Amino acid sequence: MTPAALAPVLLAIVLAGAGLALSAAAGLGGPSPRAWQAGALIAFVLRDLGVIAFFRFGPRPRKGDFGAVVALALLYGVGGIVGSIIASAEPALGRALFAPLPDAPLASLASGLAQAVLAWILASRRINGSEATLAQPQPAAI
């Protein structure tokens, strides 16, 4: 049984990829900034889903939702603060590193993908760890 969010996310990934490909084929200068922006949005959605999966497969899965909300608030909030600090030197880049903004869509896409990979590596380690714990034989009750 797959999670309910999987089908819409896969469809969004396919549509964003198709948009990038069509935009690249239609224009002489490569994909349009809006196409890169769509890719950045998908990258941050993947990152957010990785953060949610990380907390849902934690030691207390029922409390994982609250932890995920706090983590996402910190990622966007602290990321916004750090982005503002960076933005004093390079305005377009600073804000786009921590949120999918149109100021610098390529930087936003690269940052979102890097964060998504990191989130899913951490989530997969936690998922594999919880599966290993479940697979271990339990001592027999006396």
Protein backbone atom coordinates (compact mmCIF):
# COMPACT_ATOMS: atom_id res chain seq x y z
CA MET A 1 0.00 0.00 0.00
CA THR A 2 1.47 3.35 -1.01
CA PRO A 3 0.98 6.66 0.78
CA ALA A 4 -1.81 8.82 -0.60
CA ALA A 5 0.60 11.68 -1.34
CA LEU A 6 2.78 9.58 -3.66
CA ALA A 7 0.63 9.73 -6.82
CA PRO A 8 0.19 13.53 -6.85
CA VAL A 9 3.89 14.08 -6.12
CA LEU A 10 4.92 11.75 -8.94
CA LEU A 11 2.50 13.48 -11.29
CA ALA A 12 3.91 16.89 -10.29
CA ILE A 13 7.47 15.65 -10.91
CA VAL A 14 6.50 14.35 -14.35
CA LEU A 15 4.68 17.58 -15.24
CA ALA A 16 7.56 19.78 -14.05
CA GLY A 17 10.01 17.66 -16.05
CA ALA A 18 7.78 17.91 -19.11
CA GLY A 19 7.55 21.67 -18.62
CA LEU A 20 11.34 21.93 -18.48
CA ALA A 21 11.70 19.80 -21.60
CA LEU A 22 9.03 21.68 -23.57
CA SER A 23 10.41 25.03 -22.47
CA ALA A 24 13.90 23.99 -23.58
CA ALA A 25 12.57 22.75 -26.92
CA ALA A 26 10.51 25.88 -27.59
CA GLY A 27 13.12 28.50 -26.74
CA LEU A 28 16.57 29.00 -28.13
CA GLY A 29 18.12 29.97 -24.80
CA GLY A 30 17.13 26.89 -22.81
CA PRO A 31 14.31 26.46 -20.31
CA SER A 32 12.48 29.58 -19.17
CA PRO A 33 12.88 30.92 -15.61
CA ARG A 34 9.31 29.81 -14.88
CA ALA A 35 10.17 26.23 -15.82
CA TRP A 36 13.18 26.32 -13.48
CA GLN A 37 10.89 27.78 -10.81
CA ALA A 38 8.51 24.84 -11.22
CA GLY A 39 11.43 22.47 -10.73
CA ALA A 40 12.48 24.37 -7.60
CA LEU A 41 8.96 24.09 -6.19
CA ILE A 42 9.01 20.32 -6.71
CA ALA A 43 12.46 20.08 -5.11
CA PHE A 44 11.24 21.84 -1.98
CA VAL A 45 8.11 19.65 -1.87
CA LEU A 46 10.39 16.59 -1.99
CA ARG A 47 12.49 18.08 0.80
CA ASP A 48 9.41 18.72 2.92
CA LEU A 49 8.15 15.17 2.35
CA GLY A 50 11.57 13.85 3.38
CA VAL A 51 11.41 15.86 6.61
CA ILE A 52 7.91 14.54 7.30
CA ALA A 53 9.03 10.94 6.63
CA PHE A 54 12.02 11.42 8.94
CA PHE A 55 9.80 12.40 11.84
CA ARG A 56 6.99 9.92 11.11
CA PHE A 57 9.42 6.99 11.34
CA GLY A 58 11.04 8.25 14.53
CA PRO A 59 10.89 6.61 17.94
CA ARG A 60 7.48 8.20 18.62
CA PRO A 61 5.61 8.23 15.29
CA ARG A 62 2.40 9.61 16.78
CA LYS A 63 4.28 12.70 17.88
CA GLY A 64 6.12 12.87 14.56
CA ASP A 65 3.62 15.24 12.99
CA PHE A 66 4.33 17.95 15.56
CA GLY A 67 8.07 17.46 15.16
CA ALA A 68 7.77 17.70 11.39
CA VAL A 69 5.77 20.94 11.61
CA VAL A 70 8.34 22.45 13.98
CA ALA A 71 11.23 21.32 11.75
CA LEU A 72 9.62 22.77 8.63
CA ALA A 73 8.87 26.03 10.44
CA LEU A 74 12.51 26.21 11.50
CA LEU A 75 13.75 25.38 8.01
CA TYR A 76 11.68 28.12 6.42
CA GLY A 77 12.03 30.59 9.33
CA VAL A 78 15.73 30.20 10.07
CA GLY A 79 16.36 29.76 6.37
CA GLY A 80 14.63 33.08 5.77
CA ILE A 81 16.80 34.78 8.38
CA VAL A 82 20.00 33.28 6.98
CA GLY A 83 18.81 34.11 3.47
CA SER A 84 18.25 37.71 4.51
CA ILE A 85 21.78 37.88 5.90
CA ILE A 86 23.18 36.44 2.68
CA ALA A 87 20.86 38.74 0.73
CA SER A 88 22.70 41.78 2.01
CA ALA A 89 25.58 40.74 -0.25
CA GLU A 90 23.62 39.00 -3.03
CA PRO A 91 19.87 39.69 -2.75
CA ALA A 92 18.57 37.29 -5.38
CA LEU A 93 20.66 34.36 -4.22
CA GLY A 94 20.21 34.63 -0.46
CA ARG A 95 16.46 34.33 -0.36
CA ALA A 96 16.28 31.68 -3.07
CA LEU A 97 18.55 29.23 -1.21
CA PHE A 98 15.97 28.48 1.47
CA ALA A 99 12.65 28.85 -0.33
CA PRO A 100 11.53 28.30 -3.92
CA LEU A 101 11.52 31.94 -4.97
CA PRO A 102 11.73 33.31 -8.52
CA ASP A 103 14.65 35.63 -7.67
CA ALA A 104 17.25 33.00 -8.63
CA PRO A 105 15.41 29.89 -9.88
CA LEU A 106 18.52 27.85 -10.71
CA ALA A 107 20.02 28.44 -7.25
CA SER A 108 16.65 27.64 -5.69
CA LEU A 109 16.41 24.41 -7.69
CA ALA A 110 19.95 23.32 -6.78
CA SER A 111 19.48 24.19 -3.11
CA GLY A 112 16.09 22.45 -2.96
CA LEU A 113 17.48 19.30 -4.57
CA ALA A 114 20.47 19.22 -2.21
CA GLN A 115 18.20 19.64 0.80
CA ALA A 116 15.80 16.99 -0.54
CA VAL A 117 18.64 14.49 -0.98
CA LEU A 118 19.86 15.16 2.57
CA ALA A 119 16.35 14.87 4.04
CA TRP A 120 15.70 11.57 2.25
CA ILE A 121 19.08 10.13 3.23
CA LEU A 122 18.27 10.86 6.88
CA ALA A 123 14.72 9.53 6.47
CA SER A 124 15.88 6.32 4.77
CA ARG A 125 18.39 5.66 7.55
CA ARG A 126 15.64 6.09 10.10
CA ILE A 127 13.23 3.92 8.10
CA ASN A 128 15.82 1.17 7.66
CA GLY A 129 16.70 1.40 11.34
CA SER A 130 13.07 0.96 12.39
CA GLU A 131 12.68 -1.99 10.01
CA ALA A 132 15.79 -3.62 11.46
CA THR A 133 14.41 -3.19 14.96
CA LEU A 134 11.13 -4.81 13.92
CA ALA A 135 12.93 -7.70 12.19
CA GLN A 136 14.94 -8.69 15.27
CA PRO A 137 13.47 -11.67 17.11
CA GLN A 138 11.79 -10.70 20.36
CA PRO A 139 12.59 -12.68 23.51
CA ALA A 140 9.95 -15.20 24.42
CA ALA A 141 7.72 -14.33 27.34
CA ILE A 142 8.21 -16.55 30.35
